Amino acid sequence: MTTMKKMILGLLLTFTLAGCGLQSTPTTSGNLIVPSEYSNNKTIEVESCNLSGERKANVKVDIGYGDREYYAYTNEYGQLAYVQANEITLQTDDELVAGKKRYCNDEAKVPGTEAKNLDEGHVIADSLGGVGNAYNITPQESQLNRYGEQAEMERMMRDTLKNGGTVTDFVAVIEYADTATQIPESYAIGLMLDGEPITFDFFNVTE
C-alpha cells in the first residue's frame, strides 16, 4: 500500500494524519479533515468557468457548482494539492443551458494542457457537480481521463448516485515531481461509496 493510500485511509477511517507524511494537528471542515499545511489557506472566489490557467498559492476555492461545497487547496507553489467534498451530488438538467452537457463551454488552460496527450482533466467531474476553473483542472493523461481508472471511478460514482446511493467523504491528494510543474505525477483518491471506503491510485503517464 502506497504512502498516499495510507494517508487517504487515515483521513477516511480514523481522521488522523499521524505517520502519513503530512504535518501534524489537522483541523476539521464538516466531516473531513483539512491537513494542517492547508488549514490557514485564504478563501477566495473564482468564477466557475474562468478559463485562466493561473492559480494563486495557499488558497482555498469552492469548486462545486451552485450550492455544492467542494473545496480545493493549493500549496505554496500554486499547485493544486488537495481536494475534499463531504458529499458528492450529480449534475442536474436544470443547471445546464438547454442542449448542453457541461456547465462550461471549455476548461481552464492550466499549463501542460496544451500537450497533445494531456487532457484538461477534472478532479471532480463536471457530471458530478465540479466546475471548470483551474482549481478543479489538472493536465491529465488522455487515456487515464477518458477510458482509464479516472473514468472508471467517475462511472462508479455516477452509477451509485443514479441508483439512489451516496458518495461521501471524498478526498484527493495530488503529487508532483517537482515544484515548478503544474502536471501531476500521481493522484490518490478516497471516498465512501454507500458507506464503504474505496481508494484509488492513479499515475499520470506524461511521456
C-alpha atoms as a PDB file:
ATOM      1  CA  MET A   1       0.000   0.000   0.000  1.00  0.00           C
ATOM      2  CA  THR A   2       1.402   3.387  -1.001  1.00  0.00           C
ATOM      3  CA  THR A   3       2.023   6.242   1.402  1.00  0.00           C
ATOM      4  CA  MET A   4      -0.696   8.248  -0.321  1.00  0.00           C
ATOM      5  CA  LYS A   5      -3.214   5.440   0.046  1.00  0.00           C
ATOM      6  CA  LYS A   6      -2.360   5.050   3.730  1.00  0.00           C
ATOM      7  CA  MET A   7      -2.969   8.751   4.162  1.00  0.00           C
ATOM      8  CA  ILE A   8      -6.312   8.582   2.394  1.00  0.00           C
ATOM      9  CA  LEU A   9      -7.435   5.639   4.502  1.00  0.00           C
ATOM     10  CA  GLY A  10      -6.390   7.521   7.597  1.00  0.00           C
ATOM     11  CA  LEU A  11      -8.437  10.515   6.540  1.00  0.00           C
ATOM     12  CA  LEU A  12     -11.470   8.403   5.760  1.00  0.00           C
ATOM     13  CA  LEU A  13     -11.482   5.923   8.587  1.00  0.00           C
ATOM     14  CA  THR A  14      -9.680   7.351  11.598  1.00  0.00           C
ATOM     15  CA  PHE A  15      -9.466  11.079  10.877  1.00  0.00           C
ATOM     16  CA  THR A  16      -5.828  11.144  11.868  1.00  0.00           C
ATOM     17  CA  LEU A  17      -2.747  12.187   9.939  1.00  0.00           C
ATOM     18  CA  ALA A  18      -0.210  10.594  12.272  1.00  0.00           C
ATOM     19  CA  GLY A  19       2.538   8.906  10.304  1.00  0.00           C
ATOM     20  CA  CYS A  20       1.082   9.856   6.946  1.00  0.00           C
ATOM     21  CA  GLY A  21       3.744  12.298   5.824  1.00  0.00           C
ATOM     22  CA  LEU A  22       1.721  15.465   6.429  1.00  0.00           C
ATOM     23  CA  GLN A  23       2.268  17.983   9.171  1.00  0.00           C
ATOM     24  CA  SER A  24       0.556  17.273  12.483  1.00  0.00           C
ATOM     25  CA  THR A  25      -2.556  18.765  14.083  1.00  0.00           C
ATOM     26  CA  PRO A  26      -5.187  18.769  11.346  1.00  0.00           C
ATOM     27  CA  THR A  27      -8.345  20.857  11.541  1.00  0.00           C
ATOM     28  CA  THR A  28     -11.835  19.801  10.506  1.00  0.00           C
ATOM     29  CA  SER A  29     -14.101  21.032   7.707  1.00  0.00           C
ATOM     30  CA  GLY A  30     -17.530  19.432   8.008  1.00  0.00           C
ATOM     31  CA  ASN A  31     -16.914  15.706   8.408  1.00  0.00           C
ATOM     32  CA  LEU A  32     -13.461  15.795   6.832  1.00  0.00           C
ATOM     33  CA  ILE A  33     -10.008  16.760   7.963  1.00  0.00           C
ATOM     34  CA  VAL A  34      -8.002  19.578   6.439  1.00  0.00           C
ATOM     35  CA  PRO A  35      -4.266  18.847   6.658  1.00  0.00           C
ATOM     36  CA  SER A  36      -2.611  21.484   8.777  1.00  0.00           C
ATOM     37  CA  GLU A  37      -0.470  22.877   5.965  1.00  0.00           C
ATOM     38  CA  TYR A  38      -3.662  23.976   4.201  1.00  0.00           C
ATOM     39  CA  SER A  39      -5.772  24.962   7.218  1.00  0.00           C
ATOM     40  CA  ASN A  40      -4.713  28.623   7.013  1.00  0.00           C
ATOM     41  CA  ASN A  41      -5.206  28.936   3.248  1.00  0.00           C
ATOM     42  CA  LYS A  42      -7.014  32.125   2.268  1.00  0.00           C
ATOM     43  CA  THR A  43     -10.517  31.553   0.888  1.00  0.00           C
ATOM     44  CA  ILE A  44     -11.056  33.212  -2.482  1.00  0.00           C
ATOM     45  CA  GLU A  45     -13.833  33.127  -5.073  1.00  0.00           C
ATOM     46  CA  VAL A  46     -13.170  32.098  -8.662  1.00  0.00           C
ATOM     47  CA  GLU A  47     -15.828  32.015 -11.371  1.00  0.00           C
ATOM     48  CA  SER A  48     -16.908  28.513 -12.305  1.00  0.00           C
ATOM     49  CA  CYS A  49     -15.936  28.873 -15.969  1.00  0.00           C
ATOM     50  CA  ASN A  50     -12.853  31.069 -15.618  1.00  0.00           C
ATOM     51  CA  LEU A  51     -10.501  29.739 -18.310  1.00  0.00           C
ATOM     52  CA  SER A  52      -7.329  31.219 -16.855  1.00  0.00           C
ATOM     53  CA  GLY A  53      -4.770  28.535 -16.063  1.00  0.00           C
ATOM     54  CA  GLU A  54      -3.162  30.581 -13.309  1.00  0.00           C
ATOM     55  CA  ARG A  55      -3.630  29.613  -9.679  1.00  0.00           C
ATOM     56  CA  LYS A  56      -2.803  31.544  -6.544  1.00  0.00           C
ATOM     57  CA  ALA A  57      -0.647  29.926  -3.873  1.00  0.00           C
ATOM     58  CA  ASN A  58      -2.000  28.909  -0.470  1.00  0.00           C
ATOM     59  CA  VAL A  59      -5.687  29.451  -1.254  1.00  0.00           C
ATOM     60  CA  LYS A  60      -8.938  27.586  -0.768  1.00  0.00           C
ATOM     61  CA  VAL A  61     -11.578  27.658  -3.530  1.00  0.00           C
ATOM     62  CA  ASP A  62     -15.089  26.218  -3.680  1.00  0.00           C
ATOM     63  CA  ILE A  63     -15.123  24.167  -6.899  1.00  0.00           C
ATOM     64  CA  GLY A  64     -18.668  22.844  -6.508  1.00  0.00           C
ATOM     65  CA  TYR A  65     -21.275  24.154  -8.920  1.00  0.00           C
ATOM     66  CA  GLY A  66     -24.178  26.058  -7.350  1.00  0.00           C
ATOM     67  CA  ASP A  67     -24.670  25.308  -3.675  1.00  0.00           C
ATOM     68  CA  ARG A  68     -22.282  22.337  -3.628  1.00  0.00           C
ATOM     69  CA  GLU A  69     -19.377  22.665  -1.246  1.00  0.00           C
ATOM     70  CA  TYR A  70     -16.354  21.040  -2.845  1.00  0.00           C
ATOM     71  CA  TYR A  71     -13.067  22.589  -1.753  1.00  0.00           C
ATOM     72  CA  ALA A  72      -9.697  22.773  -3.478  1.00  0.00           C
ATOM     73  CA  TYR A  73      -6.452  23.779  -1.754  1.00  0.00           C
ATOM     74  CA  THR A  74      -3.220  24.927  -3.342  1.00  0.00           C
ATOM     75  CA  ASN A  75       0.265  24.664  -1.879  1.00  0.00           C
ATOM     76  CA  GLU A  76       2.910  27.400  -1.685  1.00  0.00           C
ATOM     77  CA  TYR A  77       3.842  26.811  -5.338  1.00  0.00           C
ATOM     78  CA  GLY A  78       0.303  27.289  -6.647  1.00  0.00           C
ATOM     79  CA  GLN A  79      -0.069  23.581  -7.368  1.00  0.00           C
ATOM     80  CA  LEU A  80      -3.491  22.021  -6.830  1.00  0.00           C
ATOM     81  CA  ALA A  81      -2.619  19.701  -3.960  1.00  0.00           C
ATOM     82  CA  TYR A  82      -5.726  18.691  -2.003  1.00  0.00           C
ATOM     83  CA  VAL A  83      -9.459  18.441  -2.767  1.00  0.00           C
ATOM     84  CA  GLN A  84     -12.298  17.455  -0.461  1.00  0.00           C
ATOM     85  CA  ALA A  85     -16.073  17.184  -0.503  1.00  0.00           C
ATOM     86  CA  ASN A  86     -18.316  15.940   2.280  1.00  0.00           C
ATOM     87  CA  GLU A  87     -20.995  14.802  -0.187  1.00  0.00           C
ATOM     88  CA  ILE A  88     -20.980  14.461  -3.966  1.00  0.00           C
ATOM     89  CA  THR A  89     -24.197  15.127  -5.891  1.00  0.00           C
ATOM     90  CA  LEU A  90     -24.990  14.631  -9.562  1.00  0.00           C
ATOM     91  CA  GLN A  91     -25.201  17.381 -12.129  1.00  0.00           C
ATOM     92  CA  THR A  92     -28.876  18.123 -12.895  1.00  0.00           C
ATOM     93  CA  ASP A  93     -30.522  19.097 -16.180  1.00  0.00           C
ATOM     94  CA  ASP A  94     -31.941  22.324 -14.751  1.00  0.00           C
ATOM     95  CA  GLU A  95     -28.415  23.547 -14.008  1.00  0.00           C
ATOM     96  CA  LEU A  96     -27.438  23.385 -17.670  1.00  0.00           C
ATOM     97  CA  VAL A  97     -28.086  25.608 -20.643  1.00  0.00           C
ATOM     98  CA  ALA A  98     -30.532  23.823 -22.938  1.00  0.00           C
ATOM     99  CA  GLY A  99     -28.764  21.311 -25.156  1.00  0.00           C
ATOM    100  CA  LYS A 100     -25.531  21.406 -23.158  1.00  0.00           C
ATOM    101  CA  LYS A 101     -23.958  18.561 -21.181  1.00  0.00           C
ATOM    102  CA  ARG A 102     -21.365  20.665 -19.350  1.00  0.00           C
ATOM    103  CA  TYR A 103     -21.515  23.750 -17.168  1.00  0.00           C
ATOM    104  CA  CYS A 104     -18.782  25.464 -19.193  1.00  0.00           C
ATOM    105  CA  ASN A 105     -18.007  25.589 -22.904  1.00  0.00           C
ATOM    106  CA  ASP A 106     -14.358  24.849 -22.139  1.00  0.00           C
ATOM    107  CA  GLU A 107     -11.994  24.146 -19.237  1.00  0.00           C
ATOM    108  CA  ALA A 108      -9.201  26.202 -17.705  1.00  0.00           C
ATOM    109  CA  LYS A 109      -5.939  26.288 -19.654  1.00  0.00           C
ATOM    110  CA  VAL A 110      -3.647  25.040 -16.889  1.00  0.00           C
ATOM    111  CA  PRO A 111      -0.001  24.910 -18.086  1.00  0.00           C
ATOM    112  CA  GLY A 112       0.591  21.478 -19.591  1.00  0.00           C
ATOM    113  CA  THR A 113      -2.886  21.003 -21.041  1.00  0.00           C
ATOM    114  CA  GLU A 114      -1.573  22.209 -24.388  1.00  0.00           C
ATOM    115  CA  ALA A 115       0.239  18.870 -24.799  1.00  0.00           C
ATOM    116  CA  LYS A 116      -1.472  16.527 -27.256  1.00  0.00           C
ATOM    117  CA  ASN A 117      -1.514  13.600 -24.802  1.00  0.00           C
ATOM    118  CA  LEU A 118      -2.842  15.577 -21.828  1.00  0.00           C
ATOM    119  CA  ASP A 119      -6.483  16.496 -21.248  1.00  0.00           C
ATOM    120  CA  GLU A 120      -7.975  19.277 -19.172  1.00  0.00           C
ATOM    121  CA  GLY A 121      -8.945  16.751 -16.507  1.00  0.00           C
ATOM    122  CA  HIS A 122     -11.444  17.471 -13.737  1.00  0.00           C
ATOM    123  CA  VAL A 123     -10.561  16.301 -10.228  1.00  0.00           C
ATOM    124  CA  ILE A 124     -14.310  16.186  -9.509  1.00  0.00           C
ATOM    125  CA  ALA A 125     -16.117  15.566 -12.789  1.00  0.00           C
ATOM    126  CA  ASP A 126     -18.497  18.028 -14.382  1.00  0.00           C
ATOM    127  CA  SER A 127     -21.176  15.303 -14.290  1.00  0.00           C
ATOM    128  CA  LEU A 128     -20.644  15.139 -10.517  1.00  0.00           C
ATOM    129  CA  GLY A 129     -21.012  18.867  -9.932  1.00  0.00           C
ATOM    130  CA  GLY A 130     -17.423  20.032 -10.403  1.00  0.00           C
ATOM    131  CA  VAL A 131     -16.655  23.326 -12.153  1.00  0.00           C
ATOM    132  CA  GLY A 132     -14.188  24.012 -14.978  1.00  0.00           C
ATOM    133  CA  ASN A 133     -11.793  26.562 -13.469  1.00  0.00           C
ATOM    134  CA  ALA A 134      -8.102  25.986 -12.721  1.00  0.00           C
ATOM    135  CA  TYR A 135      -8.761  24.845  -9.162  1.00  0.00           C
ATOM    136  CA  ASN A 136     -10.544  21.722 -10.411  1.00  0.00           C
ATOM    137  CA  ILE A 137      -8.482  21.080 -13.557  1.00  0.00           C
ATOM    138  CA  THR A 138      -5.116  19.364 -13.954  1.00  0.00           C
ATOM    139  CA  PRO A 139      -3.262  18.217 -17.075  1.00  0.00           C
ATOM    140  CA  GLN A 140      -4.172  14.529 -17.108  1.00  0.00           C
ATOM    141  CA  GLU A 141      -3.058  11.778 -19.473  1.00  0.00           C
ATOM    142  CA  SER A 142      -5.822  11.328 -22.037  1.00  0.00           C
ATOM    143  CA  GLN A 143      -6.187   7.571 -21.677  1.00  0.00           C
ATOM    144  CA  LEU A 144      -6.476   7.837 -17.892  1.00  0.00           C
ATOM    145  CA  ASN A 145      -9.006  10.638 -18.127  1.00  0.00           C
ATOM    146  CA  ARG A 146     -11.218   9.220 -20.874  1.00  0.00           C
ATOM    147  CA  TYR A 147     -11.061   5.441 -20.528  1.00  0.00           C
ATOM    148  CA  GLY A 148      -8.787   4.527 -17.609  1.00  0.00           C
ATOM    149  CA  GLU A 149      -9.050   4.425 -13.842  1.00  0.00           C
ATOM    150  CA  GLN A 150     -10.173   8.052 -13.512  1.00  0.00           C
ATOM    151  CA  ALA A 151     -13.037   7.441 -15.916  1.00  0.00           C
ATOM    152  CA  GLU A 152     -13.951   4.175 -14.171  1.00  0.00           C
ATOM    153  CA  MET A 153     -14.010   5.873 -10.772  1.00  0.00           C
ATOM    154  CA  GLU A 154     -16.300   8.590 -12.070  1.00  0.00           C
ATOM    155  CA  ARG A 155     -18.596   5.968 -13.625  1.00  0.00           C
ATOM    156  CA  MET A 156     -18.826   4.126 -10.291  1.00  0.00           C
ATOM    157  CA  MET A 157     -19.735   7.356  -8.523  1.00  0.00           C
ATOM    158  CA  ARG A 158     -22.387   8.290 -11.079  1.00  0.00           C
ATOM    159  CA  ASP A 159     -23.944   4.826 -11.117  1.00  0.00           C
ATOM    160  CA  THR A 160     -24.137   4.770  -7.333  1.00  0.00           C
ATOM    161  CA  LEU A 161     -25.853   8.149  -7.215  1.00  0.00           C
ATOM    162  CA  LYS A 162     -28.234   7.349 -10.082  1.00  0.00           C
ATOM    163  CA  ASN A 163     -29.310   4.217  -8.185  1.00  0.00           C
ATOM    164  CA  GLY A 164     -30.115   6.204  -5.051  1.00  0.00           C
ATOM    165  CA  GLY A 165     -26.844   5.565  -3.216  1.00  0.00           C
ATOM    166  CA  THR A 166     -24.413   8.002  -1.617  1.00  0.00           C
ATOM    167  CA  VAL A 167     -20.908   9.219  -2.364  1.00  0.00           C
ATOM    168  CA  THR A 168     -19.394  10.962   0.639  1.00  0.00           C
ATOM    169  CA  ASP A 169     -16.090  11.869   2.282  1.00  0.00           C
ATOM    170  CA  PHE A 170     -14.273  12.475  -0.993  1.00  0.00           C
ATOM    171  CA  VAL A 171     -10.615  13.401  -0.611  1.00  0.00           C
ATOM    172  CA  ALA A 172      -7.895  13.718  -3.249  1.00  0.00           C
ATOM    173  CA  VAL A 173      -4.165  14.152  -2.702  1.00  0.00           C
ATOM    174  CA  ILE A 174      -2.257  15.279  -5.795  1.00  0.00           C
ATOM    175  CA  GLU A 175       1.529  14.983  -6.010  1.00  0.00           C
ATOM    176  CA  TYR A 176       4.078  16.488  -8.395  1.00  0.00           C
ATOM    177  CA  ALA A 177       7.584  15.533  -9.493  1.00  0.00           C
ATOM    178  CA  ASP A 178       8.905  18.996  -8.639  1.00  0.00           C
ATOM    179  CA  THR A 179       7.735  22.440  -7.525  1.00  0.00           C
ATOM    180  CA  ALA A 180       7.870  24.075 -10.968  1.00  0.00           C
ATOM    181  CA  THR A 181       5.362  21.933 -12.867  1.00  0.00           C
ATOM    182  CA  GLN A 182       1.570  22.022 -12.895  1.00  0.00           C
ATOM    183  CA  ILE A 183       1.373  18.487 -14.324  1.00  0.00           C
ATOM    184  CA  PRO A 184       0.650  15.965 -11.538  1.00  0.00           C
ATOM    185  CA  GLU A 185       2.796  12.900 -11.150  1.00  0.00           C
ATOM    186  CA  SER A 186       0.090  10.963  -9.304  1.00  0.00           C
ATOM    187  CA  TYR A 187      -3.311  11.158  -7.655  1.00  0.00           C
ATOM    188  CA  ALA A 188      -4.598   9.345  -4.575  1.00  0.00           C
ATOM    189  CA  ILE A 189      -8.350   9.477  -4.071  1.00  0.00           C
ATOM    190  CA  GLY A 190     -10.510   8.100  -1.306  1.00  0.00           C
ATOM    191  CA  LEU A 191     -14.261   8.168  -0.830  1.00  0.00           C
ATOM    192  CA  MET A 192     -17.161   6.412   0.821  1.00  0.00           C
ATOM    193  CA  LEU A 193     -19.410   4.600  -1.647  1.00  0.00           C
ATOM    194  CA  ASP A 194     -22.678   3.740   0.136  1.00  0.00           C
ATOM    195  CA  GLY A 195     -20.712   3.973   3.384  1.00  0.00           C
ATOM    196  CA  GLU A 196     -17.914   1.678   2.247  1.00  0.00           C
ATOM    197  CA  PRO A 197     -14.373   3.092   1.899  1.00  0.00           C
ATOM    198  CA  ILE A 198     -12.720   2.883  -1.516  1.00  0.00           C
ATOM    199  CA  THR A 199      -9.312   4.191  -2.550  1.00  0.00           C
ATOM    200  CA  PHE A 200      -7.717   4.791  -5.938  1.00  0.00           C
ATOM    201  CA  ASP A 201      -4.109   5.429  -7.003  1.00  0.00           C
ATOM    202  CA  PHE A 202      -3.591   6.983 -10.433  1.00  0.00           C
ATOM    203  CA  PHE A 203      -0.190   7.597 -12.013  1.00  0.00           C
ATOM    204  CA  ASN A 204      -0.172  10.308 -14.646  1.00  0.00           C
ATOM    205  CA  VAL A 205       1.964   8.975 -17.509  1.00  0.00           C
ATOM    206  CA  THR A 206       3.046  12.113 -19.331  1.00  0.00           C
ATOM    207  CA  GLU A 207       5.728  10.846 -21.744  1.00  0.00           C
END
